Amino acid sequence: MATSAPASPSPGEGSPTALNATSHIIGLVHSSPTLDTLPADVLGLIFKLLYDDWLVATHSQFLGAPRFKFDHERCQGEFLLGLSMTCRALRAETMPWIFREVYNWESSRGTAWPESLWPYFRIVHIRDHTVHNPRRLEIFPETIRSLSVMNSLFKVTLRLESAIPADLIRALSLAPSLLHLEIYQARFDGGSPSCVLPFPALESLIISIAGFRRVPLQENIDYVTQASNVDFLLRAVAPRLTELSISGDLIPSTFPSLDWRKIRRFAITEHAPTPYIPIPSLVANMPNLRHLDVLYTADVRRGMPTARGAFPFVHLGDDSGRFLSDSCPLLSSVTLGNVSSVDSIFTQLPTMLTSLHLRAPVDPYDTSNGFPREAYSPFNQHTLPTALRHMPHLRDLKELCLDLHYFVTAPVIQHIAAVLPHLEILEFSLPRYIFRSDPPRFREQDRDPALLTALGCFPHLLHLRITMNFLKHGFDLHHSQEVTARWFLSSHKTLQTVSFAVLQSLHHVGYNYIRWQRWDHEVFYATWPTPPPTRPPSPDYVIVEVDGVQRIEPRYY
C-alpha cells in the first residue's frame, strides 16, 4: 500500500515564518505603549482633555461659572490627584499640572511649601483670608522668603484685607521670572520698602482697590504713607512695564513725570486721582501707548445719585487743545467710562483712532444708604448727539461700543452714522438696565423697520453686537434672538455677524454671567430653529463680583 508523503507545514502551523510572525505579534502586544510610557507631549494633550472634562463636571454651562460658591478657590490640579497615585512615572508627569497654580493656605501650618515643589509653581495666589472660612490667614515669613527664589514663578496675585507687608513686595521684586503681578483690595499704608526693588522680568502690573466683594469705605487708611509707597513701587517698575492697570485712587501726583517709555496698554479704574490729573497729562510720558482705558466710576464719595441721575462727571480732557496723539502717536484704541457728553476729551482724541468704547462702569464701594446697583449711562438719544458733534475728525473710526441708558433706537443709529459712517463694528450695551419681560425690539410686533433703514447708513458694517441684562427666569431668548438676527442679516448687504449677549443671574452661586450667542449667514442654511450656539464670553468684559453683586470690568489681558 502506498503511503502519502507527509504534508508540508503550512505557514500557520509552525513554520519559521509563522513562528517569527507570532513572536512579532506577541512583541507588539507587550510593547504597546501604556499611559506611563507615552511621550510627555502626548500626556500633556491627555491631561488637557481631562482638565476640560473636570471643568465641565465642576462648573455650570454659564461660561465657567462655578457650580458652588467660590469654586474658583479650589486646587486647579485636583483632577489629576488620583492618577498621580498610580505609579512613580505618572506622579512625575502630573506634578507640573497639579502644582502649577497654588494658594498660600496650602502652607498654613507655619512653614512654606516644600522646597521640592517650588520648580512646579507657575502661579501663586497670596491671601490673608478665604471666602470658604472667615478665619484670618497668617502669611508666614517662610512663605514670603520662598517667593524670591521660585525660578519658574511667572504670575502672583495678592488679595489682602490688611496693608501689604513691605517684606512681601521686596520678595516679589527678587523673583527672577515674575512677569505678571496683580494686587487687588490694595492697601499700601503698611511698612515702606527700605531697599531697591529690582523686578527683573516684570512686564504687567494690576493694582486695584476692588476685589471679589464690594470694597468697604475705610476710614483708617494712612493716605500719606500709601501715596509714598505707591510712588516708590511705580518708580521701580515704570521703565520696564508694557501693561499697567491702576485704580485712580492710588495714583500719586508724580505719576506724569515717571518714565513710561515701554507702556503699550494703560488702564485707570475706579475713581479719579486726588489731586485730579487730566488724561492728557497722565499719558504725556507714554510714547508707545496703543490702548487707553479710562474707566472712572460714579464715585459714591461725591454724593448719592437720584433714581434717574448719576454723580457729577469728571472732566477727562483739558483746555490745552492738544491731541492725545501729540504724546501718544501710536494710540489706536480708547475706552472712556462715565464721560460727560460735553467733555473736551472728545476733541482731543487722535484722528487715527480705530476703536472707541464709551462705558458706564459701576462703583466698587459697598454702601448701605441706598446706592443703586445699576449705573446709568450718560448717553441717550438726547445727549449722544452732543458728544458726536465733537468727533468729526474721527472719520476713520472702525469700531464703536456704546453703553446706552435705554434700548437702541433708529435716531441714535442715524446720529452715529452721520458722523462715523465708516464703522465696521457697532456694539450697543445695556448692562445696567434690567429687563424683566421680553425686551422691546425682540418682540416681532415691536420691530422697527426704521432700525434697518438707519443701519443701512453704514456701508461697511460687518458686525453688530447687542448686550442686555435680562433677569426673567425661565424665559429662553434664543428663539427671539435668532429671528432678530435673521432679520438684521437679511436686510443689510455687508453685515456678516449679529451677536447678542445676555447677563443672567446664577442665584445658587451669587454670580451674574455674560452669555454670548452669535449668528452669521449660515443661519439661513441650517435646520430651523437652530440649537443654541456655544460662544466664548465677550472679549471686552468679565464679571468680577460675587454674592449677588454684579460688577463688570474690562478684560485687559
Protein backbone atom coordinates (compact mmCIF):
# COMPACT_ATOMS: atom_id res chain seq x y z
CA MET A 1 0.00 0.00 0.00
CA ALA A 2 1.34 3.29 -0.98
CA THR A 3 1.94 5.82 1.69
CA SER A 4 1.47 9.51 1.16
CA ALA A 5 4.25 11.89 1.76
CA PRO A 6 3.92 13.98 4.91
CA ALA A 7 2.23 17.29 4.20
CA SER A 8 4.42 20.33 4.27
CA PRO A 9 3.70 22.55 7.24
CA SER A 10 1.54 25.50 6.31
CA PRO A 11 2.62 28.97 7.24
CA GLY A 12 0.12 28.87 10.06
CA GLU A 13 1.36 25.65 11.57
CA GLY A 14 4.78 26.13 13.00
CA SER A 15 6.92 27.20 10.05
CA PRO A 16 9.78 29.54 10.82
CA THR A 17 7.86 32.32 9.07
CA ALA A 18 4.80 31.70 11.22
CA LEU A 19 6.86 31.50 14.39
CA ASN A 20 8.57 34.77 13.58
CA ALA A 21 5.22 36.44 12.82
CA THR A 22 3.75 35.15 16.06
CA SER A 23 6.73 36.35 18.03
CA HIS A 24 6.44 39.71 16.33
CA ILE A 25 2.77 39.97 17.23
CA ILE A 26 3.46 38.96 20.82
CA GLY A 27 6.23 41.53 20.92
CA LEU A 28 3.88 44.21 19.66
CA VAL A 29 1.37 43.33 22.33
CA HIS A 30 3.97 43.51 25.03
CA SER A 31 5.48 46.73 23.64
CA SER A 32 2.18 48.60 23.19
CA PRO A 33 2.51 51.99 24.88
CA THR A 34 0.90 52.46 28.25
CA LEU A 35 -0.02 55.72 29.90
CA ASP A 36 3.21 55.86 31.87
CA THR A 37 5.33 55.30 28.73
CA LEU A 38 3.71 57.88 26.46
CA PRO A 39 5.78 60.89 25.37
CA ALA A 40 5.39 63.97 27.53
CA ASP A 41 3.65 65.99 24.78
CA VAL A 42 1.04 63.25 24.27
CA LEU A 43 0.48 63.04 28.02
CA GLY A 44 0.05 66.80 28.02
CA LEU A 45 -2.78 66.51 25.50
CA ILE A 46 -4.44 63.82 27.60
CA PHE A 47 -4.14 65.91 30.75
CA LYS A 48 -5.62 68.87 28.89
CA LEU A 49 -8.64 66.77 27.90
CA LEU A 50 -9.01 65.58 31.49
CA TYR A 51 -8.83 69.18 32.67
CA ASP A 52 -11.56 70.24 30.21
CA ASP A 53 -13.77 67.37 31.41
CA TRP A 54 -13.12 68.41 35.01
CA LEU A 55 -14.21 71.96 34.20
CA VAL A 56 -17.44 70.69 32.67
CA ALA A 57 -18.09 68.45 35.68
CA THR A 58 -17.43 71.13 38.29
CA HIS A 59 -18.73 74.23 36.53
CA SER A 60 -22.07 75.15 35.09
CA GLN A 61 -22.91 75.92 31.47
CA PHE A 62 -22.57 79.64 32.03
CA LEU A 63 -19.08 80.12 30.68
CA GLY A 64 -17.07 78.94 33.64
CA ALA A 65 -19.44 79.94 36.42
CA PRO A 66 -18.70 77.82 39.49
CA ARG A 67 -21.25 75.18 40.41
CA PHE A 68 -20.80 76.17 44.05
CA LYS A 69 -19.92 79.49 45.62
CA PHE A 70 -16.27 80.46 45.29
CA ASP A 71 -15.41 77.25 43.45
CA HIS A 72 -12.60 79.28 41.90
CA GLU A 73 -10.59 78.82 45.13
CA ARG A 74 -10.23 75.08 44.61
CA CYS A 75 -6.96 73.50 43.58
CA GLN A 76 -6.89 73.64 39.78
CA GLY A 77 -4.87 70.42 39.60
CA GLU A 78 -7.08 68.24 41.76
CA PHE A 79 -8.42 66.35 38.74
CA LEU A 80 -5.03 64.60 38.46
CA LEU A 81 -4.56 63.70 42.12
CA GLY A 82 -5.91 60.16 41.69
CA LEU A 83 -3.80 59.50 38.62
CA SER A 84 -0.67 60.74 40.38
CA MET A 85 -1.03 57.98 42.96
CA THR A 86 -0.92 55.10 40.48
CA CYS A 87 2.82 54.92 39.87
CA ARG A 88 6.06 56.84 40.21
CA ALA A 89 6.33 57.69 36.50
CA LEU A 90 2.86 59.25 36.31
CA ARG A 91 3.44 61.08 39.58
CA ALA A 92 6.43 62.76 37.99
CA GLU A 93 4.42 63.70 34.88
CA THR A 94 1.42 65.07 36.78
CA MET A 95 3.36 67.14 39.29
CA PRO A 96 3.74 70.18 36.98
CA TRP A 97 -0.03 70.15 36.39
CA ILE A 98 -1.09 69.61 39.98
CA PHE A 99 1.18 72.29 41.41
CA ARG A 100 1.13 74.77 38.55
CA GLU A 101 -1.28 77.08 40.44
CA VAL A 102 -1.34 77.16 44.25
CA TYR A 103 -2.69 79.21 47.15
CA ASN A 104 -0.84 80.17 50.28
CA TRP A 105 -3.30 78.41 52.59
CA GLU A 106 -1.75 75.17 51.46
CA SER A 107 1.28 76.27 53.50
CA SER A 108 -0.75 77.42 56.51
CA ARG A 109 0.94 75.09 59.02
CA GLY A 110 3.65 77.60 59.77
CA THR A 111 6.12 76.71 57.05
CA ALA A 112 6.45 77.42 53.35
CA TRP A 113 5.51 74.92 50.69
CA PRO A 114 8.01 72.02 50.45
CA GLU A 115 11.04 73.23 48.52
CA SER A 116 10.88 70.18 46.26
CA LEU A 117 7.62 71.57 44.80
CA TRP A 118 8.87 75.09 44.03
CA PRO A 119 10.07 74.26 40.49
CA TYR A 120 6.47 73.42 39.53
CA PHE A 121 4.89 76.67 40.77
CA ARG A 122 3.89 78.96 37.91
CA ILE A 123 1.04 80.93 39.51
CA VAL A 124 0.77 81.71 43.23
CA HIS A 125 -2.19 83.38 44.97
CA ILE A 126 -1.46 85.07 48.31
CA ARG A 127 -4.39 85.92 50.60
CA ASP A 128 -4.88 86.71 54.26
CA HIS A 129 -8.48 85.46 54.16
CA THR A 130 -10.58 82.94 52.30
CA VAL A 131 -14.23 83.06 51.36
CA HIS A 132 -14.51 79.43 52.47
CA ASN A 133 -13.58 80.24 56.07
CA PRO A 134 -13.87 83.57 57.93
CA ARG A 135 -10.75 82.75 59.95
CA ARG A 136 -7.89 85.10 59.14
CA LEU A 137 -4.86 83.53 57.46
CA GLU A 138 -1.38 84.40 58.57
CA ILE A 139 1.22 84.98 55.88
CA PHE A 140 4.33 83.37 57.33
CA PRO A 141 7.85 84.78 56.83
CA GLU A 142 8.95 81.45 55.33
CA THR A 143 6.24 81.76 52.67
CA ILE A 144 7.32 85.31 51.81
CA ARG A 145 11.01 84.41 51.57
CA SER A 146 10.31 81.40 49.36
CA LEU A 147 8.74 83.58 46.64
CA SER A 148 12.04 85.28 45.85
CA VAL A 149 13.75 82.03 44.78
CA MET A 150 10.99 80.35 42.76
CA ASN A 151 12.62 80.30 39.35
CA SER A 152 9.51 79.16 37.42
CA LEU A 153 7.10 81.63 39.01
CA PHE A 154 5.65 83.98 36.37
CA LYS A 155 2.43 85.30 37.97
CA VAL A 156 1.37 86.30 41.51
CA THR A 157 -1.94 87.70 42.73
CA LEU A 158 -2.39 89.39 46.11
CA ARG A 159 -5.76 89.83 47.82
CA LEU A 160 -5.16 91.13 51.33
CA GLU A 161 -7.57 92.83 53.70
CA SER A 162 -4.65 94.29 55.61
CA ALA A 163 -1.86 96.52 54.33
CA ILE A 164 0.69 94.80 52.11
CA PRO A 165 3.85 93.95 54.09
CA ALA A 166 7.00 95.62 52.80
CA ASP A 167 8.83 92.27 53.02
CA LEU A 168 6.31 90.73 50.63
CA ILE A 169 6.87 93.42 47.98
CA ARG A 170 10.62 93.05 48.41
CA ALA A 171 10.49 89.25 48.00
CA LEU A 172 8.38 89.54 44.85
CA SER A 173 10.80 92.07 43.39
CA LEU A 174 13.55 89.43 43.61
CA ALA A 175 11.60 86.68 41.80
CA PRO A 176 13.70 86.13 38.66
CA SER A 177 10.87 85.17 36.25
CA LEU A 178 7.90 87.14 37.58
CA LEU A 179 6.12 88.64 34.54
CA HIS A 180 2.67 89.47 35.94
CA LEU A 181 1.78 90.94 39.33
CA GLU A 182 -1.85 91.58 40.28
CA ILE A 183 -2.76 93.32 43.53
CA TYR A 184 -6.44 93.57 44.49
CA GLN A 185 -8.10 95.16 47.56
CA ALA A 186 -4.87 97.12 47.59
CA ARG A 187 -3.66 98.95 50.73
CA PHE A 188 -0.15 100.36 50.74
CA ASP A 189 -0.10 102.14 54.10
CA GLY A 190 1.97 99.45 55.81
CA GLY A 191 5.74 99.42 56.09
CA SER A 192 7.83 101.16 53.45
CA PRO A 193 10.45 99.24 51.44
CA SER A 194 13.92 100.27 52.55
CA CYS A 195 15.87 98.99 49.54
CA VAL A 196 15.80 98.81 45.75
CA LEU A 197 13.01 96.80 44.10
CA PRO A 198 14.62 95.09 41.06
CA PHE A 199 11.65 93.25 39.44
CA PRO A 200 13.98 91.98 36.68
CA ALA A 201 11.28 90.41 34.47
CA LEU A 202 8.06 92.27 35.35
CA GLU A 203 6.01 93.39 32.34
CA SER A 204 2.41 93.60 33.56
CA LEU A 205 1.06 95.18 36.76
CA ILE A 206 -2.52 95.49 38.05
CA ILE A 207 -3.22 97.47 41.23
CA SER A 208 -6.87 97.83 42.23
CA ILE A 209 -8.78 98.81 45.34
CA ALA A 210 -11.56 96.44 44.17
CA GLY A 211 -11.83 92.71 44.69
CA PHE A 212 -14.32 89.84 44.64
CA ARG A 213 -16.60 91.67 47.05
CA ARG A 214 -17.56 95.31 47.06
CA VAL A 215 -14.96 97.45 48.79
CA PRO A 216 -15.82 98.91 52.21
CA LEU A 217 -15.32 102.62 52.74
CA GLN A 218 -12.33 102.53 55.10
CA GLU A 219 -11.58 105.49 57.32
CA ASN A 220 -8.30 104.31 58.89
CA ILE A 221 -6.06 104.41 55.82
CA ASP A 222 -2.89 106.47 56.11
CA TYR A 223 -3.12 108.13 52.70
CA VAL A 224 0.20 109.96 53.02
CA THR A 225 2.13 106.73 53.62
CA GLN A 226 0.12 104.95 50.94
CA ALA A 227 0.90 107.60 48.32
CA SER A 228 4.61 107.45 49.19
CA ASN A 229 4.75 103.64 48.96
CA VAL A 230 2.86 103.53 45.66
CA ASP A 231 5.19 106.17 44.24
CA PHE A 232 8.21 104.11 45.35
CA LEU A 233 6.81 100.98 43.67
CA LEU A 234 5.88 102.73 40.42
CA ARG A 235 9.27 104.40 40.13
CA ALA A 236 10.91 100.97 40.40
CA VAL A 237 8.79 99.29 37.70
CA ALA A 238 7.84 102.12 35.31
CA PRO A 239 10.75 101.78 32.83
CA ARG A 240 10.11 98.06 32.18
CA LEU A 241 6.29 97.78 32.23
CA THR A 242 4.39 97.23 28.98
CA GLU A 243 0.92 96.98 30.61
CA LEU A 244 -0.42 98.83 33.64
CA SER A 245 -3.88 98.91 35.22
CA ILE A 246 -4.25 101.01 38.38
CA SER A 247 -7.05 102.48 40.48
CA GLY A 248 -7.12 106.25 40.16
CA ASP A 249 -7.40 106.38 43.96
CA LEU A 250 -3.77 105.18 44.15
CA ILE A 251 -2.15 107.38 41.50
CA PRO A 252 0.43 109.72 43.07
CA SER A 253 0.87 113.30 41.92
CA THR A 254 4.27 112.34 40.48
CA PHE A 255 2.75 109.86 38.02
CA PRO A 256 3.05 112.04 34.85
CA SER A 257 6.79 112.57 35.42
CA LEU A 258 7.69 108.85 35.61
CA ASP A 259 9.40 107.01 32.76
CA TRP A 260 6.67 105.07 30.94
CA ARG A 261 8.56 104.57 27.69
CA LYS A 262 7.51 100.90 27.20
CA ILE A 263 3.83 101.13 28.17
CA ARG A 264 1.57 99.82 25.40
CA ARG A 265 -1.66 99.40 27.36
CA PHE A 266 -2.70 101.69 30.21
CA ALA A 267 -5.94 101.40 32.21
CA ILE A 268 -7.04 103.66 35.05
CA THR A 269 -10.02 102.31 37.00
CA GLU A 270 -12.39 103.09 39.85
CA HIS A 271 -12.04 106.79 40.79
CA ALA A 272 -10.21 109.84 39.53
CA PRO A 273 -6.90 110.64 41.29
CA THR A 274 -6.68 113.22 44.05
CA PRO A 275 -5.39 115.81 43.32
CA TYR A 276 -7.01 115.46 39.91
CA ILE A 277 -4.81 114.89 36.84
CA PRO A 278 -6.39 115.28 33.36
CA ILE A 279 -5.92 112.39 30.95
CA PRO A 280 -3.59 114.26 28.53
CA SER A 281 -1.21 114.84 31.46
CA LEU A 282 -1.43 111.23 32.68
CA VAL A 283 -0.30 109.83 29.32
CA ALA A 284 2.15 112.60 28.42
CA ASN A 285 5.14 110.29 29.02
CA MET A 286 3.83 107.22 27.16
CA PRO A 287 5.18 107.41 23.59
CA ASN A 288 4.40 103.72 22.81
CA LEU A 289 0.84 103.67 24.15
CA ARG A 290 -1.60 101.75 21.92
CA HIS A 291 -4.59 101.14 24.19
CA LEU A 292 -6.00 103.57 26.76
CA ASP A 293 -8.84 102.63 29.13
CA VAL A 294 -10.18 105.40 31.41
CA LEU A 295 -12.83 103.60 33.45
CA TYR A 296 -13.84 106.07 36.12
CA THR A 297 -16.95 105.02 38.02
CA ALA A 298 -19.58 107.19 39.60
CA ASP A 299 -17.84 107.79 42.95
CA VAL A 300 -20.13 107.37 45.99
CA ARG A 301 -17.85 109.73 47.90
CA ARG A 302 -19.08 112.58 45.70
CA GLY A 303 -22.73 112.23 46.77
CA MET A 304 -25.67 109.95 46.14
CA PRO A 305 -27.50 109.91 42.81
CA THR A 306 -31.20 110.13 42.28
CA ALA A 307 -33.12 107.31 40.69
CA ARG A 308 -32.58 108.80 37.23
CA GLY A 309 -29.38 110.76 37.71
CA ALA A 310 -25.75 109.90 38.29
CA PHE A 311 -22.91 111.60 40.12
CA PRO A 312 -21.20 114.66 38.69
CA PHE A 313 -18.96 113.56 35.83
CA VAL A 314 -15.22 114.11 35.99
CA HIS A 315 -13.84 116.25 33.17
CA LEU A 316 -11.33 113.96 31.45
CA GLY A 317 -9.82 116.41 28.97
CA ASP A 318 -8.07 119.72 29.49
CA ASP A 319 -8.05 123.14 27.83
CA SER A 320 -4.68 122.73 26.12
CA GLY A 321 -6.21 121.78 22.78
CA ARG A 322 -3.55 119.08 22.33
CA PHE A 323 -4.42 115.79 20.68
CA LEU A 324 -3.58 112.71 22.72
CA SER A 325 -1.56 111.63 19.70
CA ASP A 326 0.86 114.52 20.31
CA SER A 327 2.34 112.46 23.15
CA CYS A 328 0.99 109.03 22.12
CA PRO A 329 1.43 108.83 18.33
CA LEU A 330 0.59 105.09 18.21
CA LEU A 331 -2.68 105.32 20.17
CA SER A 332 -5.42 103.40 18.30
CA SER A 333 -7.96 102.27 20.93
CA VAL A 334 -9.62 104.32 23.70
CA THR A 335 -12.22 103.38 26.32
CA LEU A 336 -13.88 106.11 28.41
CA GLY A 337 -16.08 105.45 31.45
CA ASN A 338 -18.87 107.76 32.66
CA VAL A 339 -17.67 110.60 30.48
CA SER A 340 -19.84 113.67 30.02
CA SER A 341 -21.18 114.36 26.54
CA VAL A 342 -19.58 117.84 26.66
CA ASP A 343 -16.12 116.69 27.78
CA SER A 344 -13.25 118.21 25.80
CA ILE A 345 -11.56 114.80 25.71
CA PHE A 346 -13.61 114.03 22.59
CA THR A 347 -11.89 116.82 20.67
CA GLN A 348 -8.50 115.56 21.87
CA LEU A 349 -8.92 112.00 20.58
CA PRO A 350 -6.36 111.20 17.87
CA THR A 351 -7.51 111.34 14.26
CA MET A 352 -6.10 107.86 13.54
CA LEU A 353 -8.24 106.26 16.27
CA THR A 354 -9.79 102.97 15.12
CA SER A 355 -11.68 101.83 18.25
CA LEU A 356 -13.74 103.84 20.77
CA HIS A 357 -15.66 102.41 23.73
CA LEU A 358 -17.94 104.60 25.86
CA ARG A 359 -18.81 102.67 29.02
CA ALA A 360 -20.67 103.13 32.33
CA PRO A 361 -18.84 101.00 34.95
CA VAL A 362 -20.27 100.66 38.47
CA ASP A 363 -18.60 101.97 41.61
CA PRO A 364 -16.96 99.23 43.72
CA TYR A 365 -17.68 100.79 47.10
CA ASP A 366 -20.12 98.95 49.34
CA THR A 367 -22.70 101.25 50.90
CA SER A 368 -25.91 100.65 52.78
CA ASN A 369 -27.52 104.05 52.23
CA GLY A 370 -29.41 103.39 49.05
CA PHE A 371 -26.71 103.41 46.37
CA PRO A 372 -28.32 101.79 43.31
CA ARG A 373 -26.78 98.61 41.96
CA GLU A 374 -27.27 99.70 38.36
CA ALA A 375 -25.32 102.58 36.87
CA TYR A 376 -26.99 104.96 34.47
CA SER A 377 -25.20 105.72 31.26
CA PRO A 378 -24.87 109.41 30.37
CA PHE A 379 -25.70 108.59 26.75
CA ASN A 380 -29.17 108.51 25.24
CA GLN A 381 -30.77 109.89 22.09
CA HIS A 382 -30.63 113.41 23.57
CA THR A 383 -27.07 113.55 24.93
CA LEU A 384 -25.27 111.38 22.37
CA PRO A 385 -25.56 113.92 19.51
CA THR A 386 -23.74 116.46 21.71
CA ALA A 387 -20.78 114.13 22.12
CA LEU A 388 -20.79 113.22 18.43
CA ARG A 389 -20.51 116.87 17.42
CA HIS A 390 -17.02 116.83 18.96
CA MET A 391 -15.90 113.83 16.86
CA PRO A 392 -15.98 114.89 13.21
CA HIS A 393 -12.23 114.25 12.96
CA LEU A 394 -12.71 110.52 13.72
CA ARG A 395 -13.70 109.67 10.17
CA ASP A 396 -11.51 106.54 10.16
CA LEU A 397 -13.05 105.01 13.29
CA LYS A 398 -13.83 101.32 12.66
CA GLU A 399 -15.32 100.21 16.00
CA LEU A 400 -17.76 101.94 18.36
CA CYS A 401 -19.03 100.26 21.55
CA LEU A 402 -21.56 102.29 23.49
CA ASP A 403 -23.37 101.85 26.82
CA LEU A 404 -26.82 103.37 26.42
CA HIS A 405 -29.30 104.49 29.03
CA TYR A 406 -32.07 102.62 27.24
CA PHE A 407 -32.59 100.40 24.22
CA VAL A 408 -31.10 101.45 20.89
CA THR A 409 -33.40 103.41 18.60
CA ALA A 410 -33.24 104.46 14.97
CA PRO A 411 -32.46 108.13 15.80
CA VAL A 412 -29.44 107.01 17.84
CA ILE A 413 -28.08 104.99 14.91
CA GLN A 414 -28.75 107.84 12.49
CA HIS A 415 -26.83 110.32 14.65
CA ILE A 416 -23.86 107.96 14.79
CA ALA A 417 -23.89 107.27 11.05
CA ALA A 418 -23.93 110.97 10.25
CA VAL A 419 -20.56 111.46 11.99
CA LEU A 420 -18.95 108.00 11.84
CA PRO A 421 -20.10 106.45 8.54
CA HIS A 422 -17.15 104.06 8.12
CA LEU A 423 -17.82 101.86 11.16
CA GLU A 424 -17.29 98.13 10.69
CA ILE A 425 -18.17 97.07 14.27
CA LEU A 426 -21.08 98.57 16.19
CA GLU A 427 -21.99 97.47 19.71
CA PHE A 428 -24.75 98.69 21.99
CA SER A 429 -24.63 97.58 25.59
CA LEU A 430 -27.42 97.86 28.16
CA PRO A 431 -25.71 96.10 31.09
CA ARG A 432 -27.40 98.13 33.82
CA TYR A 433 -30.97 98.21 32.60
CA ILE A 434 -32.79 95.12 33.83
CA PHE A 435 -35.39 93.63 31.51
CA ARG A 436 -37.94 91.64 33.49
CA SER A 437 -40.02 90.68 30.49
CA ASP A 438 -39.48 90.11 26.79
CA PRO A 439 -37.22 93.05 25.81
CA PRO A 440 -38.58 95.60 23.35
CA ARG A 441 -37.35 95.20 19.75
CA PHE A 442 -37.09 91.45 20.37
CA ARG A 443 -40.84 91.02 20.04
CA GLU A 444 -41.78 90.63 16.41
CA GLN A 445 -44.62 93.14 16.71
CA ASP A 446 -42.23 95.76 18.11
CA ARG A 447 -39.52 95.55 15.45
CA ASP A 448 -38.97 98.97 13.97
CA PRO A 449 -38.22 98.99 10.21
CA ALA A 450 -36.52 102.33 10.80
CA LEU A 451 -33.72 100.44 12.57
CA LEU A 452 -32.86 98.67 9.33
CA THR A 453 -33.01 101.91 7.40
CA ALA A 454 -30.67 103.53 9.90
CA LEU A 455 -28.20 100.61 9.79
CA GLY A 456 -28.13 100.97 6.04
CA CYS A 457 -26.29 104.26 6.57
CA PHE A 458 -23.18 102.20 7.43
CA PRO A 459 -22.00 100.91 4.03
CA HIS A 460 -19.10 98.92 5.56
CA LEU A 461 -20.77 97.48 8.68
CA LEU A 462 -19.62 93.89 9.33
CA HIS A 463 -20.55 93.08 12.94
CA LEU A 464 -23.47 94.17 15.11
CA ARG A 465 -23.45 93.33 18.84
CA ILE A 466 -26.12 93.98 21.49
CA THR A 467 -25.76 93.29 25.24
CA MET A 468 -28.52 93.45 27.83
CA ASN A 469 -29.29 92.48 31.41
CA PHE A 470 -32.18 90.02 31.44
CA LEU A 471 -33.28 88.61 34.78
CA LYS A 472 -36.61 86.99 33.95
CA HIS A 473 -36.05 83.34 34.80
CA GLY A 474 -37.47 80.53 32.75
CA PHE A 475 -37.65 82.57 29.54
CA ASP A 476 -35.49 81.40 26.64
CA LEU A 477 -34.31 84.29 24.50
CA HIS A 478 -32.62 82.05 21.95
CA HIS A 479 -35.57 81.85 19.56
CA SER A 480 -36.30 85.58 19.52
CA GLN A 481 -32.59 86.37 19.20
CA GLU A 482 -32.25 84.09 16.19
CA VAL A 483 -35.29 85.55 14.49
CA THR A 484 -33.97 89.06 15.10
CA ALA A 485 -30.52 88.08 13.83
CA ARG A 486 -32.08 86.72 10.63
CA TRP A 487 -33.99 89.98 10.30
CA PHE A 488 -30.80 92.07 10.51
CA LEU A 489 -28.66 89.77 8.34
CA SER A 490 -31.20 89.51 5.55
CA SER A 491 -31.64 93.27 5.36
CA HIS A 492 -28.05 94.56 5.37
CA LYS A 493 -25.85 93.53 2.46
CA THR A 494 -22.44 93.84 4.20
CA LEU A 495 -23.40 92.59 7.67
CA GLN A 496 -21.58 89.32 8.49
CA THR A 497 -22.48 88.57 12.11
CA VAL A 498 -25.12 89.57 14.65
CA SER A 499 -24.31 88.82 18.30
CA PHE A 500 -26.38 89.05 21.46
CA ALA A 501 -25.02 88.89 24.99
CA VAL A 502 -27.33 88.35 27.93
CA LEU A 503 -26.40 88.88 31.56
CA GLN A 504 -28.02 86.09 33.54
CA SER A 505 -28.04 85.73 37.30
CA LEU A 506 -26.98 82.44 38.92
CA HIS A 507 -28.52 82.70 42.36
CA HIS A 508 -27.08 79.38 43.60
CA VAL A 509 -23.58 80.86 43.36
CA GLY A 510 -24.33 84.57 43.55
CA TYR A 511 -22.84 85.39 40.13
CA ASN A 512 -24.10 87.11 37.01
CA TYR A 513 -22.50 85.84 33.82
CA ILE A 514 -22.42 87.00 30.24
CA ARG A 515 -23.63 84.52 27.63
CA TRP A 516 -22.67 85.38 24.06
CA GLN A 517 -24.55 83.98 21.10
CA ARG A 518 -23.60 84.83 17.55
CA TRP A 519 -25.27 84.25 14.21
CA ASP A 520 -23.83 84.57 10.72
CA HIS A 521 -25.20 83.79 7.24
CA GLU A 522 -25.05 80.04 7.92
CA VAL A 523 -28.26 80.54 9.87
CA PHE A 524 -30.10 80.63 6.55
CA TYR A 525 -28.83 77.15 5.59
CA ALA A 526 -29.20 75.40 8.94
CA THR A 527 -32.21 73.47 10.18
CA TRP A 528 -34.56 75.98 11.72
CA PRO A 529 -34.85 76.71 14.54
CA THR A 530 -31.20 76.03 15.26
CA PRO A 531 -29.97 74.84 18.67
CA PRO A 532 -28.42 77.50 20.91
CA PRO A 533 -24.82 78.08 19.77
CA THR A 534 -21.94 77.93 22.24
CA ARG A 535 -19.77 81.02 22.11
CA PRO A 536 -16.91 82.43 24.16
CA PRO A 537 -17.55 85.36 26.50
CA SER A 538 -17.22 88.93 25.37
CA PRO A 539 -13.61 89.94 24.71
CA ASP A 540 -14.32 93.22 26.45
CA TYR A 541 -15.83 92.35 29.81
CA VAL A 542 -15.56 89.95 32.71
CA ILE A 543 -17.82 89.68 35.78
CA VAL A 544 -15.74 90.08 38.93
CA GLU A 545 -18.34 90.46 41.69
CA VAL A 546 -19.99 87.73 43.74
CA ASP A 547 -22.58 87.40 46.50
CA GLY A 548 -25.28 88.60 44.15
CA VAL A 549 -23.47 91.87 43.43
CA GLN A 550 -22.81 92.46 39.76
CA ARG A 551 -19.77 94.35 38.55
CA ILE A 552 -18.41 94.43 35.02
CA GLU A 553 -14.79 95.20 34.35
CA PRO A 554 -12.88 95.24 31.08
CA ARG A 555 -10.76 92.23 30.28
CA TYR A 556 -7.33 93.83 29.97
CA TYR A 557 -5.07 90.83 29.46
